[in-house]
PDB file of N, CA and C in Angstrom:
ATOM      1  N   MET A   1     -17.559  10.057   0.107  1.00  0.00           N
ATOM      2  CA  MET A   1     -17.539  11.297   0.852  1.00  0.00           C
ATOM      3  C   MET A   1     -18.684  12.168   0.328  1.00  0.00           C
ATOM      4  N   ALA A   2     -19.523  12.659   1.229  1.00  0.00           N
ATOM      5  CA  ALA A   2     -20.632  13.513   0.831  1.00  0.00           C
ATOM      6  C   ALA A   2     -20.098  14.839   0.291  1.00  0.00           C
ATOM      7  N   LEU A   3     -20.858  15.436  -0.590  1.00  0.00           N
ATOM      8  CA  LEU A   3     -20.431  16.681  -1.235  1.00  0.00           C
ATOM      9  C   LEU A   3     -20.114  17.772  -0.224  1.00  0.00           C
ATOM     10  N   GLU A   4     -20.917  17.909   0.826  1.00  0.00           N
ATOM     11  CA  GLU A   4     -20.642  18.953   1.824  1.00  0.00           C
ATOM     12  C   GLU A   4     -19.351  18.659   2.574  1.00  0.00           C
ATOM     13  N   ASN A   5     -19.052  17.374   2.809  1.00  0.00           N
ATOM     14  CA  ASN A   5     -17.785  17.024   3.445  1.00  0.00           C
ATOM     15  C   ASN A   5     -16.608  17.332   2.529  1.00  0.00           C
ATOM     16  N   LEU A   6     -16.772  17.045   1.244  1.00  0.00           N
ATOM     17  CA  LEU A   6     -15.721  17.347   0.277  1.00  0.00           C
ATOM     18  C   LEU A   6     -15.464  18.846   0.239  1.00  0.00           C
ATOM     19  N   ARG A   7     -16.523  19.628   0.179  1.00  0.00           N
ATOM     20  CA  ARG A   7     -16.373  21.091   0.141  1.00  0.00           C
ATOM     21  C   ARG A   7     -15.652  21.597   1.385  1.00  0.00           C
ATOM     22  N   GLY A   8     -16.019  21.043   2.551  1.00  0.00           N
ATOM     23  CA  GLY A   8     -15.356  21.441   3.787  1.00  0.00           C
ATOM     24  C   GLY A   8     -13.879  21.091   3.771  1.00  0.00           C
ATOM     25  N   THR A   9     -13.562  19.894   3.279  1.00  0.00           N
ATOM     26  CA  THR A   9     -12.162  19.473   3.200  1.00  0.00           C
ATOM     27  C   THR A   9     -11.380  20.363   2.241  1.00  0.00           C
ATOM     28  N   LEU A  10     -11.981  20.691   1.100  1.00  0.00           N
ATOM     29  CA  LEU A  10     -11.308  21.571   0.137  1.00  0.00           C
ATOM     30  C   LEU A  10     -11.080  22.963   0.722  1.00  0.00           C
ATOM     31  N   ASP A  11     -12.063  23.467   1.450  1.00  0.00           N
ATOM     32  CA  ASP A  11     -11.911  24.780   2.091  1.00  0.00           C
ATOM     33  C   ASP A  11     -10.780  24.749   3.121  1.00  0.00           C
ATOM     34  N   GLU A  12     -10.711  23.675   3.901  1.00  0.00           N
ATOM     35  CA  GLU A  12      -9.643  23.536   4.892  1.00  0.00           C
ATOM     36  C   GLU A  12      -8.278  23.435   4.209  1.00  0.00           C
ATOM     37  N   ALA A  13      -8.196  22.657   3.128  1.00  0.00           N
ATOM     38  CA  ALA A  13      -6.936  22.516   2.397  1.00  0.00           C
ATOM     39  C   ALA A  13      -6.497  23.855   1.827  1.00  0.00           C
ATOM     40  N   GLN A  14      -7.431  24.598   1.271  1.00  0.00           N
ATOM     41  CA  GLN A  14      -7.111  25.922   0.729  1.00  0.00           C
ATOM     42  C   GLN A  14      -6.591  26.842   1.824  1.00  0.00           C
ATOM     43  N   ALA A  15      -7.217  26.808   2.994  1.00  0.00           N
ATOM     44  CA  ALA A  15      -6.788  27.656   4.103  1.00  0.00           C
ATOM     45  C   ALA A  15      -5.365  27.324   4.537  1.00  0.00           C
ATOM     46  N   VAL A  16      -5.038  26.028   4.595  1.00  0.00           N
ATOM     47  CA  VAL A  16      -3.683  25.617   4.975  1.00  0.00           C
ATOM     48  C   VAL A  16      -2.675  26.114   3.943  1.00  0.00           C
ATOM     49  N   MET A  17      -2.981  25.917   2.664  1.00  0.00           N
ATOM     50  CA  MET A  17      -2.039  26.350   1.618  1.00  0.00           C
ATOM     51  C   MET A  17      -1.868  27.865   1.635  1.00  0.00           C
ATOM     52  N   GLU A  18      -2.948  28.606   1.807  1.00  0.00           N
ATOM     53  CA  GLU A  18      -2.837  30.063   1.861  1.00  0.00           C
ATOM     54  C   GLU A  18      -2.023  30.507   3.074  1.00  0.00           C
ATOM     55  N   GLU A  19      -2.224  29.833   4.203  1.00  0.00           N
ATOM     56  CA  GLU A  19      -1.457  30.165   5.408  1.00  0.00           C
ATOM     57  C   GLU A  19       0.026  29.917   5.188  1.00  0.00           C
ATOM     58  N   ARG A  20       0.361  28.790   4.584  1.00  0.00           N
ATOM     59  CA  ARG A  20       1.771  28.435   4.379  1.00  0.00           C
ATOM     60  C   ARG A  20       2.441  29.239   3.276  1.00  0.00           C
ATOM     61  N   LEU A  21       1.681  29.565   2.206  1.00  0.00           N
ATOM     62  CA  LEU A  21       2.282  30.249   1.060  1.00  0.00           C
ATOM     63  C   LEU A  21       2.156  31.765   1.132  1.00  0.00           C
ATOM     64  N   GLY A  22       1.328  32.275   2.022  1.00  0.00           N
ATOM     65  CA  GLY A  22       1.172  33.717   2.149  1.00  0.00           C
ATOM     66  C   GLY A  22       0.688  34.334   0.850  1.00  0.00           C
ATOM     67  N   ALA A  23       1.319  35.419   0.453  1.00  0.00           N
ATOM     68  CA  ALA A  23       0.910  36.149  -0.750  1.00  0.00           C
ATOM     69  C   ALA A  23       1.411  35.503  -2.039  1.00  0.00           C
ATOM     70  N   PHE A  24       2.195  34.423  -1.924  1.00  0.00           N
ATOM     71  CA  PHE A  24       2.731  33.766  -3.119  1.00  0.00           C
ATOM     72  C   PHE A  24       1.588  33.179  -3.939  1.00  0.00           C
ATOM     73  N   TRP A  25       1.500  33.538  -5.184  1.00  0.00           N
ATOM     74  CA  TRP A  25       0.481  32.998  -6.082  1.00  0.00           C
ATOM     75  C   TRP A  25       1.201  32.471  -7.313  1.00  0.00           C
ATOM     76  N   PRO A  26       1.198  31.141  -7.517  1.00  0.00           N
ATOM     77  CA  PRO A  26       1.956  30.582  -8.642  1.00  0.00           C
ATOM     78  C   PRO A  26       1.335  30.918  -9.989  1.00  0.00           C
ATOM     79  N   GLU A  27       2.200  31.068 -10.971  1.00  0.00           N
ATOM     80  CA  GLU A  27       1.769  31.247 -12.359  1.00  0.00           C
ATOM     81  C   GLU A  27       1.643  29.893 -13.051  1.00  0.00           C
ATOM     82  N   VAL A  28       2.420  28.926 -12.579  1.00  0.00           N
ATOM     83  CA  VAL A  28       2.493  27.614 -13.218  1.00  0.00           C
ATOM     84  C   VAL A  28       2.414  26.538 -12.143  1.00  0.00           C
ATOM     85  N   GLY A  29       1.612  25.500 -12.386  1.00  0.00           N
ATOM     86  CA  GLY A  29       1.575  24.326 -11.532  1.00  0.00           C
ATOM     87  C   GLY A  29       2.011  23.124 -12.349  1.00  0.00           C
ATOM     88  N   LEU A  30       2.851  22.286 -11.773  1.00  0.00           N
ATOM     89  CA  LEU A  30       3.383  21.117 -12.479  1.00  0.00           C
ATOM     90  C   LEU A  30       3.306  19.881 -11.599  1.00  0.00           C
ATOM     91  N   ILE A  31       3.065  18.739 -12.201  1.00  0.00           N
ATOM     92  CA  ILE A  31       3.257  17.475 -11.497  1.00  0.00           C
ATOM     93  C   ILE A  31       4.511  16.859 -12.090  1.00  0.00           C
ATOM     94  N   LEU A  32       5.513  16.682 -11.252  1.00  0.00           N
ATOM     95  CA  LEU A  32       6.801  16.176 -11.707  1.00  0.00           C
ATOM     96  C   LEU A  32       6.818  14.662 -11.578  1.00  0.00           C
ATOM     97  N   GLY A  33       6.782  13.982 -12.695  1.00  0.00           N
ATOM     98  CA  GLY A  33       6.815  12.522 -12.708  1.00  0.00           C
ATOM     99  C   GLY A  33       8.218  11.997 -12.521  1.00  0.00           C
ATOM    100  N   SER A  34       8.357  10.713 -12.723  1.00  0.00           N
ATOM    101  CA  SER A  34       9.656  10.048 -12.567  1.00  0.00           C
ATOM    102  C   SER A  34      10.733  10.763 -13.367  1.00  0.00           C
ATOM    103  N   GLY A  35      11.823  11.039 -12.711  1.00  0.00           N
ATOM    104  CA  GLY A  35      12.955  11.665 -13.369  1.00  0.00           C
ATOM    105  C   GLY A  35      12.926  13.182 -13.379  1.00  0.00           C
ATOM    106  N   LEU A  36      11.801  13.783 -13.027  1.00  0.00           N
ATOM    107  CA  LEU A  36      11.711  15.252 -13.045  1.00  0.00           C
ATOM    108  C   LEU A  36      11.785  15.873 -11.655  1.00  0.00           C
ATOM    109  N   GLY A  37      11.825  15.041 -10.629  1.00  0.00           N
ATOM    110  CA  GLY A  37      11.919  15.532  -9.259  1.00  0.00           C
ATOM    111  C   GLY A  37      13.054  16.520  -9.026  1.00  0.00           C
ATOM    112  N   PRO A  38      14.226  16.351  -9.669  1.00  0.00           N
ATOM    113  CA  PRO A  38      15.320  17.292  -9.454  1.00  0.00           C
ATOM    114  C   PRO A  38      14.983  18.740  -9.813  1.00  0.00           C
ATOM    115  N   LEU A  39      13.968  18.966 -10.638  1.00  0.00           N
ATOM    116  CA  LEU A  39      13.573  20.350 -10.931  1.00  0.00           C
ATOM    117  C   LEU A  39      13.210  21.072  -9.640  1.00  0.00           C
ATOM    118  N   ALA A  40      12.588  20.376  -8.698  1.00  0.00           N
ATOM    119  CA  ALA A  40      12.211  20.995  -7.422  1.00  0.00           C
ATOM    120  C   ALA A  40      13.438  21.490  -6.661  1.00  0.00           C
ATOM    121  N   GLU A  41      14.582  20.866  -6.893  1.00  0.00           N
ATOM    122  CA  GLU A  41      15.829  21.284  -6.236  1.00  0.00           C
ATOM    123  C   GLU A  41      16.340  22.619  -6.768  1.00  0.00           C
ATOM    124  N   ARG A  42      15.861  23.049  -7.932  1.00  0.00           N
ATOM    125  CA  ARG A  42      16.338  24.279  -8.564  1.00  0.00           C
ATOM    126  C   ARG A  42      15.469  25.486  -8.238  1.00  0.00           C
ATOM    127  N   ILE A  43      14.481  25.292  -7.404  1.00  0.00           N
ATOM    128  CA  ILE A  43      13.558  26.369  -7.064  1.00  0.00           C
ATOM    129  C   ILE A  43      14.202  27.307  -6.053  1.00  0.00           C
ATOM    130  N   ALA A  44      14.139  28.599  -6.354  1.00  0.00           N
ATOM    131  CA  ALA A  44      14.692  29.611  -5.456  1.00  0.00           C
ATOM    132  C   ALA A  44      13.678  29.919  -4.354  1.00  0.00           C
ATOM    133  N   ASP A  45      14.180  30.165  -3.148  1.00  0.00           N
ATOM    134  CA  ASP A  45      13.350  30.507  -1.990  1.00  0.00           C
ATOM    135  C   ASP A  45      12.165  29.564  -1.826  1.00  0.00           C
ATOM    136  N   PRO A  46      12.432  28.264  -1.746  1.00  0.00           N
ATOM    137  CA  PRO A  46      11.334  27.299  -1.699  1.00  0.00           C
ATOM    138  C   PRO A  46      10.552  27.342  -0.387  1.00  0.00           C
ATOM    139  N   VAL A  47       9.269  27.070  -0.501  1.00  0.00           N
ATOM    140  CA  VAL A  47       8.402  26.850   0.653  1.00  0.00           C
ATOM    141  C   VAL A  47       7.857  25.435   0.485  1.00  0.00           C
ATOM    142  N   PHE A  48       8.061  24.591   1.490  1.00  0.00           N
ATOM    143  CA  PHE A  48       7.630  23.203   1.427  1.00  0.00           C
ATOM    144  C   PHE A  48       6.395  22.990   2.301  1.00  0.00           C
ATOM    145  N   VAL A  49       5.431  22.260   1.779  1.00  0.00           N
ATOM    146  CA  VAL A  49       4.226  21.908   2.537  1.00  0.00           C
ATOM    147  C   VAL A  49       4.021  20.404   2.379  1.00  0.00           C
ATOM    148  N   PRO A  50       4.307  19.622   3.426  1.00  0.00           N
ATOM    149  CA  PRO A  50       4.109  18.177   3.339  1.00  0.00           C
ATOM    150  C   PRO A  50       2.641  17.827   3.083  1.00  0.00           C
ATOM    151  N   PHE A  51       2.408  16.830   2.236  1.00  0.00           N
ATOM    152  CA  PHE A  51       1.041  16.410   1.929  1.00  0.00           C
ATOM    153  C   PHE A  51       0.246  16.147   3.207  1.00  0.00           C
ATOM    154  N   GLY A  52       0.858  15.535   4.202  1.00  0.00           N
ATOM    155  CA  GLY A  52       0.177  15.168   5.434  1.00  0.00           C
ATOM    156  C   GLY A  52      -0.351  16.345   6.226  1.00  0.00           C
ATOM    157  N   GLU A  53       0.146  17.559   5.943  1.00  0.00           N
ATOM    158  CA  GLU A  53      -0.334  18.755   6.634  1.00  0.00           C
ATOM    159  C   GLU A  53      -1.519  19.397   5.929  1.00  0.00           C
ATOM    160  N   VAL A  54      -1.882  18.875   4.758  1.00  0.00           N
ATOM    161  CA  VAL A  54      -2.989  19.447   3.980  1.00  0.00           C
ATOM    162  C   VAL A  54      -4.193  18.515   4.114  1.00  0.00           C
ATOM    163  N   PRO A  55      -5.298  19.033   4.668  1.00  0.00           N
ATOM    164  CA  PRO A  55      -6.486  18.186   4.841  1.00  0.00           C
ATOM    165  C   PRO A  55      -6.889  17.486   3.539  1.00  0.00           C
ATOM    166  N   GLY A  56      -7.154  16.185   3.661  1.00  0.00           N
ATOM    167  CA  GLY A  56      -7.596  15.398   2.518  1.00  0.00           C
ATOM    168  C   GLY A  56      -6.485  14.827   1.666  1.00  0.00           C
ATOM    169  N   MET A  57      -5.236  15.195   1.917  1.00  0.00           N
ATOM    170  CA  MET A  57      -4.137  14.722   1.070  1.00  0.00           C
ATOM    171  C   MET A  57      -3.560  13.389   1.516  1.00  0.00           C
ATOM    172  N   GLY A  58      -3.483  13.119   2.793  1.00  0.00           N
ATOM    173  CA  GLY A  58      -2.813  11.912   3.243  1.00  0.00           C
ATOM    174  C   GLY A  58      -1.309  12.052   3.069  1.00  0.00           C
ATOM    175  N   VAL A  59      -0.607  10.963   3.172  1.00  0.00           N
ATOM    176  CA  VAL A  59       0.850  10.988   3.012  1.00  0.00           C
ATOM    177  C   VAL A  59       1.233  10.068   1.863  1.00  0.00           C
ATOM    178  N   SER A  60       2.352  10.372   1.244  1.00  0.00           N
ATOM    179  CA  SER A  60       2.845   9.531   0.164  1.00  0.00           C
ATOM    180  C   SER A  60       3.504   8.294   0.757  1.00  0.00           C
ATOM    181  N   THR A  61       3.121   7.131   0.241  1.00  0.00           N
ATOM    182  CA  THR A  61       3.710   5.885   0.718  1.00  0.00           C
ATOM    183  C   THR A  61       4.620   5.245  -0.323  1.00  0.00           C
ATOM    184  N   ALA A  62       4.754   5.893  -1.476  1.00  0.00           N
ATOM    185  CA  ALA A  62       5.586   5.341  -2.545  1.00  0.00           C
ATOM    186  C   ALA A  62       7.059   5.583  -2.231  1.00  0.00           C
ATOM    187  N   ASN A  63       7.849   4.548  -2.372  1.00  0.00           N
ATOM    188  CA  ASN A  63       9.276   4.651  -2.136  1.00  0.00           C
ATOM    189  C   ASN A  63       9.890   5.696  -3.063  1.00  0.00           C
ATOM    190  N   GLY A  64      10.626   6.633  -2.485  1.00  0.00           N
ATOM    191  CA  GLY A  64      11.302   7.642  -3.283  1.00  0.00           C
ATOM    192  C   GLY A  64      10.486   8.895  -3.554  1.00  0.00           C
ATOM    193  N   HIS A  65       9.202   8.905  -3.203  1.00  0.00           N
ATOM    194  CA  HIS A  65       8.388  10.103  -3.383  1.00  0.00           C
ATOM    195  C   HIS A  65       8.496  10.953  -2.126  1.00  0.00           C
ATOM    196  N   VAL A  66       8.793  12.248  -2.296  1.00  0.00           N
ATOM    197  CA  VAL A  66       9.007  13.108  -1.142  1.00  0.00           C
ATOM    198  C   VAL A  66       7.702  13.490  -0.457  1.00  0.00           C
ATOM    199  N   GLY A  67       6.590  13.468  -1.162  1.00  0.00           N
ATOM    200  CA  GLY A  67       5.295  13.687  -0.540  1.00  0.00           C
ATOM    201  C   GLY A  67       5.073  15.086  -0.015  1.00  0.00           C
ATOM    202  N   ARG A  68       5.377  16.089  -0.814  1.00  0.00           N
ATOM    203  CA  ARG A  68       5.172  17.468  -0.374  1.00  0.00           C
ATOM    204  C   ARG A  68       4.969  18.379  -1.569  1.00  0.00           C
ATOM    205  N   PHE A  69       4.286  19.461  -1.307  1.00  0.00           N
ATOM    206  CA  PHE A  69       4.205  20.539  -2.289  1.00  0.00           C
ATOM    207  C   PHE A  69       5.427  21.422  -2.088  1.00  0.00           C
ATOM    208  N   VAL A  70       5.851  22.073  -3.129  1.00  0.00           N
ATOM    209  CA  VAL A  70       6.914  23.062  -3.025  1.00  0.00           C
ATOM    210  C   VAL A  70       6.502  24.238  -3.888  1.00  0.00           C
ATOM    211  N   ALA A  71       6.798  25.431  -3.424  1.00  0.00           N
ATOM    212  CA  ALA A  71       6.493  26.636  -4.191  1.00  0.00           C
ATOM    213  C   ALA A  71       7.719  27.532  -4.168  1.00  0.00           C
ATOM    214  N   GLY A  72       7.934  28.253  -5.243  1.00  0.00           N
ATOM    215  CA  GLY A  72       9.061  29.170  -5.334  1.00  0.00           C
ATOM    216  C   GLY A  72       9.199  29.656  -6.756  1.00  0.00           C
ATOM    217  N   THR A  73      10.380  30.111  -7.096  1.00  0.00           N
ATOM    218  CA  THR A  73      10.594  30.658  -8.434  1.00  0.00           C
ATOM    219  C   THR A  73      11.723  29.931  -9.150  1.00  0.00           C
ATOM    220  N   VAL A  74      11.573  29.861 -10.461  1.00  0.00           N
ATOM    221  CA  VAL A  74      12.636  29.408 -11.362  1.00  0.00           C
ATOM    222  C   VAL A  74      12.702  30.487 -12.429  1.00  0.00           C
ATOM    223  N   GLY A  75      13.846  31.148 -12.500  1.00  0.00           N
ATOM    224  CA  GLY A  75      13.947  32.298 -13.398  1.00  0.00           C
ATOM    225  C   GLY A  75      12.991  33.379 -12.922  1.00  0.00           C
ATOM    226  N   ASP A  76      12.134  33.829 -13.815  1.00  0.00           N
ATOM    227  CA  ASP A  76      11.170  34.863 -13.438  1.00  0.00           C
ATOM    228  C   ASP A  76       9.753  34.315 -13.293  1.00  0.00           C
ATOM    229  N   ARG A  77       9.607  33.013 -13.178  1.00  0.00           N
ATOM    230  CA  ARG A  77       8.281  32.374 -13.080  1.00  0.00           C
ATOM    231  C   ARG A  77       8.030  31.838 -11.668  1.00  0.00           C
ATOM    232  N   ARG A  78       6.845  32.119 -11.166  1.00  0.00           N
ATOM    233  CA  ARG A  78       6.430  31.574  -9.875  1.00  0.00           C
ATOM    234  C   ARG A  78       5.787  30.212 -10.126  1.00  0.00           C
ATOM    235  N   LEU A  79       6.371  29.185  -9.515  1.00  0.00           N
ATOM    236  CA  LEU A  79       5.932  27.806  -9.747  1.00  0.00           C
ATOM    237  C   LEU A  79       5.422  27.157  -8.474  1.00  0.00           C
ATOM    238  N   ARG A  80       4.525  26.197  -8.651  1.00  0.00           N
ATOM    239  CA  ARG A  80       4.177  25.296  -7.559  1.00  0.00           C
ATOM    240  C   ARG A  80       4.142  23.890  -8.114  1.00  0.00           C
ATOM    241  N   PRO A  81       5.323  23.303  -8.305  1.00  0.00           N
ATOM    242  CA  PRO A  81       5.345  21.911  -8.758  1.00  0.00           C
ATOM    243  C   PRO A  81       5.067  20.970  -7.600  1.00  0.00           C
ATOM    244  N   ILE A  82       4.561  19.804  -7.928  1.00  0.00           N
ATOM    245  CA  ILE A  82       4.393  18.723  -6.962  1.00  0.00           C
ATOM    246  C   ILE A  82       5.457  17.697  -7.336  1.00  0.00           C
ATOM    247  N   PRO A  83       6.499  17.552  -6.496  1.00  0.00           N
ATOM    248  CA  PRO A  83       7.587  16.656  -6.859  1.00  0.00           C
ATOM    249  C   PRO A  83       7.190  15.201  -7.036  1.00  0.00           C
ATOM    250  N   SER A  84       6.049  14.811  -6.581  1.00  0.00           N
ATOM    251  CA  SER A  84       5.556  13.461  -6.841  1.00  0.00           C
ATOM    252  C   SER A  84       4.043  13.503  -6.729  1.00  0.00           C
ATOM    253  N   ARG A  85       3.404  12.593  -7.408  1.00  0.00           N
ATOM    254  CA  ARG A  85       1.947  12.539  -7.280  1.00  0.00           C
ATOM    255  C   ARG A  85       1.605  11.952  -5.923  1.00  0.00           C
ATOM    256  N   PRO A  86       0.490  12.350  -5.367  1.00  0.00           N
ATOM    257  CA  PRO A  86       0.101  11.756  -4.081  1.00  0.00           C
ATOM    258  C   PRO A  86      -0.154  10.271  -4.263  1.00  0.00           C
ATOM    259  N   THR A  87       0.644   9.450  -3.621  1.00  0.00           N
ATOM    260  CA  THR A  87       0.498   8.006  -3.732  1.00  0.00           C
ATOM    261  C   THR A  87       0.277   7.466  -2.331  1.00  0.00           C
ATOM    262  N   SER A  88      -0.956   7.210  -2.019  1.00  0.00           N
ATOM    263  CA  SER A  88      -1.272   6.660  -0.704  1.00  0.00           C
ATOM    264  C   SER A  88      -2.418   5.667  -0.856  1.00  0.00           C
ATOM    265  N   VAL A  89      -2.689   4.964   0.178  1.00  0.00           N
ATOM    266  CA  VAL A  89      -3.732   3.948   0.277  1.00  0.00           C
ATOM    267  C   VAL A  89      -3.392   2.729  -0.555  1.00  0.00           C
TER     268      VAL A  89
END
């Protein structure tokens, strides 16, 4: 992928995430590996963004991976964990 194409894709992905998350700005980002996915279930007021809706992400093809970003709060912290790593291709 040429650098200008990558930059365009990143700009598009950022625009989608900003549109979906609004003014929410996470303090912490996490990648939840095997066994940690249930943490995403404890997030208050979650906003879900499927990987397939974000330019350049594709969809998760791994069995058991939910394939989406989630944002919300746990306690007093604003989080954006990824319940599974993007597994595609």
